[in-house]
Amino acid sequence: DEPATYRVSVEFLRMNEQGGLVEVTSPTDADRK
């Protein structure tokens, strides 16, 4: 019910064998591409 501002950005997450997504704190060169 109030105006809101949102920022859009890209991040990288990796899946583990439990199905969880873990944030990549140090993106690789492939991630940057």
PDB file of all heavy atoms in Angstrom:
ATOM      1  N   ASP A   1       0.811  -1.223   0.000  1.00  0.00           N
ATOM      2  CA  ASP A   1       0.000   0.000   0.000  1.00  0.00           C
ATOM      3  C   ASP A   1       0.843   1.272   0.000  1.00  0.00           C
ATOM      4  O   ASP A   1       0.304   2.373   0.117  1.00  0.00           O
ATOM      5  CB  ASP A   1      -0.933  -0.002   1.222  1.00  0.00           C
ATOM      6  CG  ASP A   1      -1.940  -1.141   1.169  1.00  0.00           C
ATOM      7  OD1 ASP A   1      -2.388  -1.472   0.046  1.00  0.00           O
ATOM      8  OD2 ASP A   1      -2.260  -1.711   2.236  1.00  0.00           O
ATOM      9  N   GLU A   2       2.168   1.127  -0.108  1.00  0.00           N
ATOM     10  CA  GLU A   2       3.066   2.270  -0.131  1.00  0.00           C
ATOM     11  C   GLU A   2       3.988   2.160  -1.348  1.00  0.00           C
ATOM     12  O   GLU A   2       4.292   1.066  -1.814  1.00  0.00           O
ATOM     13  CB  GLU A   2       3.916   2.320   1.145  1.00  0.00           C
ATOM     14  CG  GLU A   2       3.121   2.472   2.431  1.00  0.00           C
ATOM     15  CD  GLU A   2       2.465   3.837   2.569  1.00  0.00           C
ATOM     16  OE1 GLU A   2       2.968   4.794   1.924  1.00  0.00           O
ATOM     17  OE2 GLU A   2       1.481   3.944   3.312  1.00  0.00           O
ATOM     18  N   PRO A   3       4.464   3.287  -1.874  1.00  0.00           N
ATOM     19  CA  PRO A   3       5.449   3.232  -2.963  1.00  0.00           C
ATOM     20  C   PRO A   3       6.700   2.481  -2.497  1.00  0.00           C
ATOM     21  O   PRO A   3       7.062   2.511  -1.314  1.00  0.00           O
ATOM     22  CB  PRO A   3       5.752   4.700  -3.249  1.00  0.00           C
ATOM     23  CG  PRO A   3       4.577   5.446  -2.706  1.00  0.00           C
ATOM     24  CD  PRO A   3       4.094   4.677  -1.523  1.00  0.00           C
ATOM     25  N   ALA A   4       7.362   1.817  -3.414  1.00  0.00           N
ATOM     26  CA  ALA A   4       8.560   1.056  -3.066  1.00  0.00           C
ATOM     27  C   ALA A   4       9.568   1.133  -4.209  1.00  0.00           C
ATOM     28  O   ALA A   4       9.192   1.194  -5.380  1.00  0.00           O
ATOM     29  CB  ALA A   4       8.209  -0.398  -2.770  1.00  0.00           C
ATOM     30  N   THR A   5      10.851   1.130  -3.831  1.00  0.00           N
ATOM     31  CA  THR A   5      11.932   1.157  -4.810  1.00  0.00           C
ATOM     32  C   THR A   5      12.708  -0.150  -4.724  1.00  0.00           C
ATOM     33  O   THR A   5      13.003  -0.638  -3.627  1.00  0.00           O
ATOM     34  CB  THR A   5      12.870   2.347  -4.547  1.00  0.00           C
ATOM     35  OG1 THR A   5      12.135   3.565  -4.654  1.00  0.00           O
ATOM     36  CG2 THR A   5      14.014   2.363  -5.555  1.00  0.00           C
ATOM     37  N   TYR A   6      13.037  -0.699  -5.896  1.00  0.00           N
ATOM     38  CA  TYR A   6      13.746  -1.976  -5.957  1.00  0.00           C
ATOM     39  C   TYR A   6      14.981  -1.834  -6.844  1.00  0.00           C
ATOM     40  O   TYR A   6      14.938  -1.187  -7.889  1.00  0.00           O
ATOM     41  CB  TYR A   6      12.837  -3.079  -6.523  1.00  0.00           C
ATOM     42  CG  TYR A   6      11.553  -3.249  -5.744  1.00  0.00           C
ATOM     43  CD1 TYR A   6      10.380  -2.624  -6.163  1.00  0.00           C
ATOM     44  CD2 TYR A   6      11.516  -4.017  -4.588  1.00  0.00           C
ATOM     45  CE1 TYR A   6       9.200  -2.766  -5.450  1.00  0.00           C
ATOM     46  CE2 TYR A   6      10.338  -4.169  -3.872  1.00  0.00           C
ATOM     47  CZ  TYR A   6       9.188  -3.542  -4.305  1.00  0.00           C
ATOM     48  OH  TYR A   6       8.014  -3.681  -3.595  1.00  0.00           O
ATOM     49  N   ARG A   7      16.063  -2.465  -6.417  1.00  0.00           N
ATOM     50  CA  ARG A   7      17.281  -2.500  -7.216  1.00  0.00           C
ATOM     51  C   ARG A   7      17.437  -3.899  -7.806  1.00  0.00           C
ATOM     52  O   ARG A   7      17.218  -4.898  -7.133  1.00  0.00           O
ATOM     53  CB  ARG A   7      18.499  -2.148  -6.362  1.00  0.00           C
ATOM     54  CG  ARG A   7      19.815  -2.193  -7.138  1.00  0.00           C
ATOM     55  CD  ARG A   7      20.993  -1.731  -6.309  1.00  0.00           C
ATOM     56  NE  ARG A   7      20.945  -0.280  -6.080  1.00  0.00           N
ATOM     57  CZ  ARG A   7      20.813   0.280  -4.894  1.00  0.00           C
ATOM     58  NH1 ARG A   7      20.694  -0.476  -3.814  1.00  0.00           N
ATOM     59  NH2 ARG A   7      20.788   1.591  -4.762  1.00  0.00           N
ATOM     60  N   VAL A   8      17.827  -3.952  -9.092  1.00  0.00           N
ATOM     61  CA  VAL A   8      17.995  -5.219  -9.795  1.00  0.00           C
ATOM     62  C   VAL A   8      19.487  -5.472  -9.989  1.00  0.00           C
ATOM     63  O   VAL A   8      20.217  -4.584 -10.444  1.00  0.00           O
ATOM     64  CB  VAL A   8      17.290  -5.189 -11.170  1.00  0.00           C
ATOM     65  CG1 VAL A   8      17.343  -6.558 -11.828  1.00  0.00           C
ATOM     66  CG2 VAL A   8      15.847  -4.710 -11.023  1.00  0.00           C
ATOM     67  N   SER A   9      19.947  -6.668  -9.646  1.00  0.00           N
ATOM     68  CA  SER A   9      21.364  -6.997  -9.791  1.00  0.00           C
ATOM     69  C   SER A   9      21.518  -8.481 -10.083  1.00  0.00           C
ATOM     70  O   SER A   9      20.568  -9.254  -9.992  1.00  0.00           O
ATOM     71  CB  SER A   9      22.145  -6.612  -8.523  1.00  0.00           C
ATOM     72  OG  SER A   9      21.644  -7.315  -7.400  1.00  0.00           O
ATOM     73  N   VAL A  10      22.741  -8.868 -10.444  1.00  0.00           N
ATOM     74  CA  VAL A  10      23.065 -10.263 -10.742  1.00  0.00           C
ATOM     75  C   VAL A  10      23.965 -10.808  -9.646  1.00  0.00           C
ATOM     76  O   VAL A  10      24.891 -10.133  -9.188  1.00  0.00           O
ATOM     77  CB  VAL A  10      23.762 -10.383 -12.111  1.00  0.00           C
ATOM     78  CG1 VAL A  10      24.319 -11.790 -12.322  1.00  0.00           C
ATOM     79  CG2 VAL A  10      22.794 -10.045 -13.232  1.00  0.00           C
ATOM     80  N   GLU A  11      23.687 -12.038  -9.214  1.00  0.00           N
ATOM     81  CA  GLU A  11      24.568 -12.715  -8.275  1.00  0.00           C
ATOM     82  C   GLU A  11      24.709 -14.170  -8.696  1.00  0.00           C
ATOM     83  O   GLU A  11      24.016 -14.643  -9.604  1.00  0.00           O
ATOM     84  CB  GLU A  11      24.044 -12.602  -6.842  1.00  0.00           C
ATOM     85  CG  GLU A  11      22.718 -13.281  -6.594  1.00  0.00           C
ATOM     86  CD  GLU A  11      22.275 -13.146  -5.150  1.00  0.00           C
ATOM     87  OE1 GLU A  11      22.888 -12.384  -4.407  1.00  0.00           O
ATOM     88  OE2 GLU A  11      21.320 -13.834  -4.780  1.00  0.00           O
ATOM     89  N   PHE A  12      25.600 -14.889  -8.020  1.00  0.00           N
ATOM     90  CA  PHE A  12      25.876 -16.272  -8.389  1.00  0.00           C
ATOM     91  C   PHE A  12      25.671 -17.182  -7.184  1.00  0.00           C
ATOM     92  O   PHE A  12      26.146 -16.895  -6.084  1.00  0.00           O
ATOM     93  CB  PHE A  12      27.304 -16.408  -8.931  1.00  0.00           C
ATOM     94  CG  PHE A  12      27.514 -15.614 -10.189  1.00  0.00           C
ATOM     95  CD1 PHE A  12      28.053 -14.331 -10.130  1.00  0.00           C
ATOM     96  CD2 PHE A  12      27.133 -16.123 -11.412  1.00  0.00           C
ATOM     97  CE1 PHE A  12      28.225 -13.590 -11.285  1.00  0.00           C
ATOM     98  CE2 PHE A  12      27.291 -15.378 -12.569  1.00  0.00           C
ATOM     99  CZ  PHE A  12      27.837 -14.114 -12.507  1.00  0.00           C
ATOM    100  N   LEU A  13      24.956 -18.274  -7.422  1.00  0.00           N
ATOM    101  CA  LEU A  13      24.656 -19.253  -6.389  1.00  0.00           C
ATOM    102  C   LEU A  13      25.010 -20.637  -6.906  1.00  0.00           C
ATOM    103  O   LEU A  13      24.846 -20.924  -8.099  1.00  0.00           O
ATOM    104  CB  LEU A  13      23.171 -19.222  -6.006  1.00  0.00           C
ATOM    105  CG  LEU A  13      22.582 -17.869  -5.593  1.00  0.00           C
ATOM    106  CD1 LEU A  13      21.074 -17.969  -5.446  1.00  0.00           C
ATOM    107  CD2 LEU A  13      23.206 -17.386  -4.293  1.00  0.00           C
ATOM    108  N   ARG A  14      25.484 -21.494  -6.032  1.00  0.00           N
ATOM    109  CA  ARG A  14      25.805 -22.871  -6.394  1.00  0.00           C
ATOM    110  C   ARG A  14      24.909 -23.825  -5.593  1.00  0.00           C
ATOM    111  O   ARG A  14      24.693 -23.631  -4.391  1.00  0.00           O
ATOM    112  CB  ARG A  14      27.269 -23.187  -6.089  1.00  0.00           C
ATOM    113  CG  ARG A  14      28.262 -22.332  -6.836  1.00  0.00           C
ATOM    114  CD  ARG A  14      28.425 -22.745  -8.286  1.00  0.00           C
ATOM    115  NE  ARG A  14      29.554 -22.027  -8.881  1.00  0.00           N
ATOM    116  CZ  ARG A  14      29.449 -20.872  -9.538  1.00  0.00           C
ATOM    117  NH1 ARG A  14      28.258 -20.303  -9.694  1.00  0.00           N
ATOM    118  NH2 ARG A  14      30.515 -20.281 -10.040  1.00  0.00           N
ATOM    119  N   MET A  15      24.431 -24.866  -6.265  1.00  0.00           N
ATOM    120  CA  MET A  15      23.601 -25.867  -5.603  1.00  0.00           C
ATOM    121  C   MET A  15      24.485 -26.938  -4.967  1.00  0.00           C
ATOM    122  O   MET A  15      25.511 -27.332  -5.524  1.00  0.00           O
ATOM    123  CB  MET A  15      22.647 -26.503  -6.613  1.00  0.00           C
ATOM    124  CG  MET A  15      21.789 -27.629  -6.050  1.00  0.00           C
ATOM    125  SD  MET A  15      20.528 -28.224  -7.233  1.00  0.00           S
ATOM    126  CE  MET A  15      19.275 -26.940  -7.002  1.00  0.00           C
ATOM    127  N   ASN A  16      24.065 -27.411  -3.776  1.00  0.00           N
ATOM    128  CA  ASN A  16      24.734 -28.565  -3.170  1.00  0.00           C
ATOM    129  C   ASN A  16      23.829 -29.792  -3.274  1.00  0.00           C
ATOM    130  O   ASN A  16      22.700 -29.707  -3.767  1.00  0.00           O
ATOM    131  CB  ASN A  16      25.135 -28.277  -1.710  1.00  0.00           C
ATOM    132  CG  ASN A  16      23.936 -27.905  -0.840  1.00  0.00           C
ATOM    133  OD1 ASN A  16      22.820 -28.393  -1.017  1.00  0.00           O
ATOM    134  ND2 ASN A  16      24.166 -27.021   0.135  1.00  0.00           N
ATOM    135  N   GLU A  17      24.304 -30.925  -2.823  1.00  0.00           N
ATOM    136  CA  GLU A  17      23.554 -32.161  -2.994  1.00  0.00           C
ATOM    137  C   GLU A  17      22.293 -32.228  -2.143  1.00  0.00           C
ATOM    138  O   GLU A  17      21.447 -33.096  -2.362  1.00  0.00           O
ATOM    139  CB  GLU A  17      24.448 -33.373  -2.708  1.00  0.00           C
ATOM    140  CG  GLU A  17      25.497 -33.612  -3.778  1.00  0.00           C
ATOM    141  CD  GLU A  17      26.157 -34.977  -3.671  1.00  0.00           C
ATOM    142  OE1 GLU A  17      25.872 -35.701  -2.685  1.00  0.00           O
ATOM    143  OE2 GLU A  17      26.942 -35.330  -4.563  1.00  0.00           O
ATOM    144  N   GLN A  18      22.139 -31.330  -1.186  1.00  0.00           N
ATOM    145  CA  GLN A  18      20.908 -31.257  -0.408  1.00  0.00           C
ATOM    146  C   GLN A  18      19.871 -30.348  -1.065  1.00  0.00           C
ATOM    147  O   GLN A  18      18.777 -30.161  -0.539  1.00  0.00           O
ATOM    148  CB  GLN A  18      21.208 -30.774   1.011  1.00  0.00           C
ATOM    149  CG  GLN A  18      22.111 -31.721   1.796  1.00  0.00           C
ATOM    150  CD  GLN A  18      21.556 -33.133   1.892  1.00  0.00           C
ATOM    151  OE1 GLN A  18      20.383 -33.328   2.231  1.00  0.00           O
ATOM    152  NE2 GLN A  18      22.374 -34.124   1.580  1.00  0.00           N
ATOM    153  N   GLY A  19      20.223 -29.760  -2.200  1.00  0.00           N
ATOM    154  CA  GLY A  19      19.301 -28.863  -2.891  1.00  0.00           C
ATOM    155  C   GLY A  19      19.409 -27.425  -2.447  1.00  0.00           C
ATOM    156  O   GLY A  19      18.695 -26.558  -2.961  1.00  0.00           O
ATOM    157  N   GLY A  20      20.298 -27.138  -1.505  1.00  0.00           N
ATOM    158  CA  GLY A  20      20.478 -25.765  -1.044  1.00  0.00           C
ATOM    159  C   GLY A  20      21.282 -24.950  -2.036  1.00  0.00           C
ATOM    160  O   GLY A  20      22.064 -25.484  -2.832  1.00  0.00           O
ATOM    161  N   LEU A  21      21.092 -23.632  -1.996  1.00  0.00           N
ATOM    162  CA  LEU A  21      21.829 -22.716  -2.856  1.00  0.00           C
ATOM    163  C   LEU A  21      22.753 -21.870  -1.994  1.00  0.00           C
ATOM    164  O   LEU A  21      22.307 -21.194  -1.070  1.00  0.00           O
ATOM    165  CB  LEU A  21      20.866 -21.828  -3.645  1.00  0.00           C
ATOM    166  CG  LEU A  21      20.028 -22.554  -4.706  1.00  0.00           C
ATOM    167  CD1 LEU A  21      18.967 -21.627  -5.285  1.00  0.00           C
ATOM    168  CD2 LEU A  21      20.916 -23.090  -5.812  1.00  0.00           C
ATOM    169  N   VAL A  22      24.034 -21.916  -2.323  1.00  0.00           N
ATOM    170  CA  VAL A  22      25.062 -21.233  -1.541  1.00  0.00           C
ATOM    171  C   VAL A  22      25.610 -20.073  -2.355  1.00  0.00           C
ATOM    172  O   VAL A  22      25.948 -20.230  -3.540  1.00  0.00           O
ATOM    173  CB  VAL A  22      26.198 -22.204  -1.167  1.00  0.00           C
ATOM    174  CG1 VAL A  22      27.264 -21.486  -0.346  1.00  0.00           C
ATOM    175  CG2 VAL A  22      25.642 -23.407  -0.409  1.00  0.00           C
ATOM    176  N   GLU A  23      25.695 -18.906  -1.743  1.00  0.00           N
ATOM    177  CA  GLU A  23      26.178 -17.725  -2.442  1.00  0.00           C
ATOM    178  C   GLU A  23      27.670 -17.838  -2.753  1.00  0.00           C
ATOM    179  O   GLU A  23      28.470 -18.261  -1.920  1.00  0.00           O
ATOM    180  CB  GLU A  23      25.921 -16.472  -1.607  1.00  0.00           C
ATOM    181  CG  GLU A  23      26.240 -15.175  -2.332  1.00  0.00           C
ATOM    182  CD  GLU A  23      25.784 -13.949  -1.560  1.00  0.00           C
ATOM    183  OE1 GLU A  23      25.275 -14.105  -0.429  1.00  0.00           O
ATOM    184  OE2 GLU A  23      25.948 -12.835  -2.092  1.00  0.00           O
ATOM    185  N   VAL A  24      28.036 -17.442  -3.973  1.00  0.00           N
ATOM    186  CA  VAL A  24      29.435 -17.434  -4.389  1.00  0.00           C
ATOM    187  C   VAL A  24      30.047 -16.101  -3.978  1.00  0.00           C
ATOM    188  O   VAL A  24      29.668 -15.046  -4.492  1.00  0.00           O
ATOM    189  CB  VAL A  24      29.556 -17.629  -5.910  1.00  0.00           C
ATOM    190  CG1 VAL A  24      31.011 -17.522  -6.353  1.00  0.00           C
ATOM    191  CG2 VAL A  24      28.976 -18.976  -6.311  1.00  0.00           C
ATOM    192  N   THR A  25      30.960 -16.136  -3.049  1.00  0.00           N
ATOM    193  CA  THR A  25      31.554 -14.896  -2.543  1.00  0.00           C
ATOM    194  C   THR A  25      32.702 -14.411  -3.426  1.00  0.00           C
ATOM    195  O   THR A  25      33.026 -13.230  -3.420  1.00  0.00           O
ATOM    196  CB  THR A  25      32.059 -15.094  -1.102  1.00  0.00           C
ATOM    197  OG1 THR A  25      32.969 -16.206  -1.064  1.00  0.00           O
ATOM    198  CG2 THR A  25      30.883 -15.390  -0.164  1.00  0.00           C
ATOM    199  N   SER A  26      33.322 -15.333  -4.193  1.00  0.00           N
ATOM    200  CA  SER A  26      34.416 -14.961  -5.091  1.00  0.00           C
ATOM    201  C   SER A  26      34.111 -15.496  -6.489  1.00  0.00           C
ATOM    202  O   SER A  26      34.516 -16.612  -6.841  1.00  0.00           O
ATOM    203  CB  SER A  26      35.753 -15.532  -4.590  1.00  0.00           C
ATOM    204  OG  SER A  26      36.072 -15.017  -3.304  1.00  0.00           O
ATOM    205  N   PRO A  27      33.360 -14.725  -7.295  1.00  0.00           N
ATOM    206  CA  PRO A  27      33.007 -15.187  -8.644  1.00  0.00           C
ATOM    207  C   PRO A  27      34.243 -15.482  -9.484  1.00  0.00           C
ATOM    208  O   PRO A  27      35.266 -14.796  -9.391  1.00  0.00           O
ATOM    209  CB  PRO A  27      32.213 -14.003  -9.218  1.00  0.00           C
ATOM    210  CG  PRO A  27      31.698 -13.265  -8.024  1.00  0.00           C
ATOM    211  CD  PRO A  27      32.765 -13.418  -6.981  1.00  0.00           C
ATOM    212  N   THR A  28      34.146 -16.522 -10.306  1.00  0.00           N
ATOM    213  CA  THR A  28      35.237 -16.916 -11.181  1.00  0.00           C
ATOM    214  C   THR A  28      35.209 -16.087 -12.469  1.00  0.00           C
ATOM    215  O   THR A  28      34.273 -15.327 -12.724  1.00  0.00           O
ATOM    216  CB  THR A  28      35.120 -18.403 -11.537  1.00  0.00           C
ATOM    217  OG1 THR A  28      33.904 -18.599 -12.292  1.00  0.00           O
ATOM    218  CG2 THR A  28      35.066 -19.258 -10.271  1.00  0.00           C
ATOM    219  N   ASP A  29      36.240 -16.266 -13.311  1.00  0.00           N
ATOM    220  CA  ASP A  29      36.253 -15.598 -14.613  1.00  0.00           C
ATOM    221  C   ASP A  29      35.063 -16.039 -15.455  1.00  0.00           C
ATOM    222  O   ASP A  29      34.482 -15.241 -16.198  1.00  0.00           O
ATOM    223  CB  ASP A  29      37.555 -15.911 -15.352  1.00  0.00           C
ATOM    224  CG  ASP A  29      38.764 -15.229 -14.717  1.00  0.00           C
ATOM    225  OD1 ASP A  29      38.559 -14.265 -13.945  1.00  0.00           O
ATOM    226  OD2 ASP A  29      39.897 -15.666 -14.982  1.00  0.00           O
ATOM    227  N   ALA A  30      34.689 -17.322 -15.338  1.00  0.00           N
ATOM    228  CA  ALA A  30      33.525 -17.822 -16.067  1.00  0.00           C
ATOM    229  C   ALA A  30      32.254 -17.128 -15.596  1.00  0.00           C
ATOM    230  O   ALA A  30      31.372 -16.791 -16.405  1.00  0.00           O
ATOM    231  CB  ALA A  30      33.400 -19.337 -15.893  1.00  0.00           C
ATOM    232  N   ASP A  31      32.139 -16.894 -14.288  1.00  0.00           N
ATOM    233  CA  ASP A  31      30.977 -16.168 -13.758  1.00  0.00           C
ATOM    234  C   ASP A  31      30.913 -14.766 -14.344  1.00  0.00           C
ATOM    235  O   ASP A  31      29.840 -14.281 -14.713  1.00  0.00           O
ATOM    236  CB  ASP A  31      31.044 -16.086 -12.225  1.00  0.00           C
ATOM    237  CG  ASP A  31      30.845 -17.437 -11.549  1.00  0.00           C
ATOM    238  OD1 ASP A  31      30.131 -18.278 -12.119  1.00  0.00           O
ATOM    239  OD2 ASP A  31      31.410 -17.635 -10.459  1.00  0.00           O
ATOM    240  N   ARG A  32      32.056 -14.101 -14.446  1.00  0.00           N
ATOM    241  CA  ARG A  32      32.088 -12.742 -14.972  1.00  0.00           C
ATOM    242  C   ARG A  32      31.657 -12.705 -16.435  1.00  0.00           C
ATOM    243  O   ARG A  32      31.006 -11.759 -16.888  1.00  0.00           O
ATOM    244  CB  ARG A  32      33.490 -12.154 -14.821  1.00  0.00           C
ATOM    245  CG  ARG A  32      33.933 -11.969 -13.368  1.00  0.00           C
ATOM    246  CD  ARG A  32      32.967 -11.110 -12.588  1.00  0.00           C
ATOM    247  NE  ARG A  32      33.424 -10.844 -11.234  1.00  0.00           N
ATOM    248  CZ  ARG A  32      32.656 -10.382 -10.267  1.00  0.00           C
ATOM    249  NH1 ARG A  32      31.368 -10.130 -10.529  1.00  0.00           N
ATOM    250  NH2 ARG A  32      33.123 -10.166  -9.064  1.00  0.00           N
ATOM    251  N   LYS A  33      32.022 -13.745 -17.192  1.00  0.00           N
ATOM    252  CA  LYS A  33      31.591 -13.816 -18.578  1.00  0.00           C
ATOM    253  C   LYS A  33      30.072 -13.954 -18.677  1.00  0.00           C
ATOM    254  O   LYS A  33      29.429 -13.364 -19.545  1.00  0.00           O
ATOM    255  CB  LYS A  33      32.276 -14.981 -19.285  1.00  0.00           C
ATOM    256  CG  LYS A  33      33.762 -14.770 -19.516  1.00  0.00           C
ATOM    257  CD  LYS A  33      34.387 -15.951 -20.230  1.00  0.00           C
ATOM    258  CE  LYS A  33      35.886 -15.740 -20.449  1.00  0.00           C
ATOM    259  NZ  LYS A  33      36.510 -16.902 -21.121  1.00  0.00           N
TER     260      LYS A  33
END
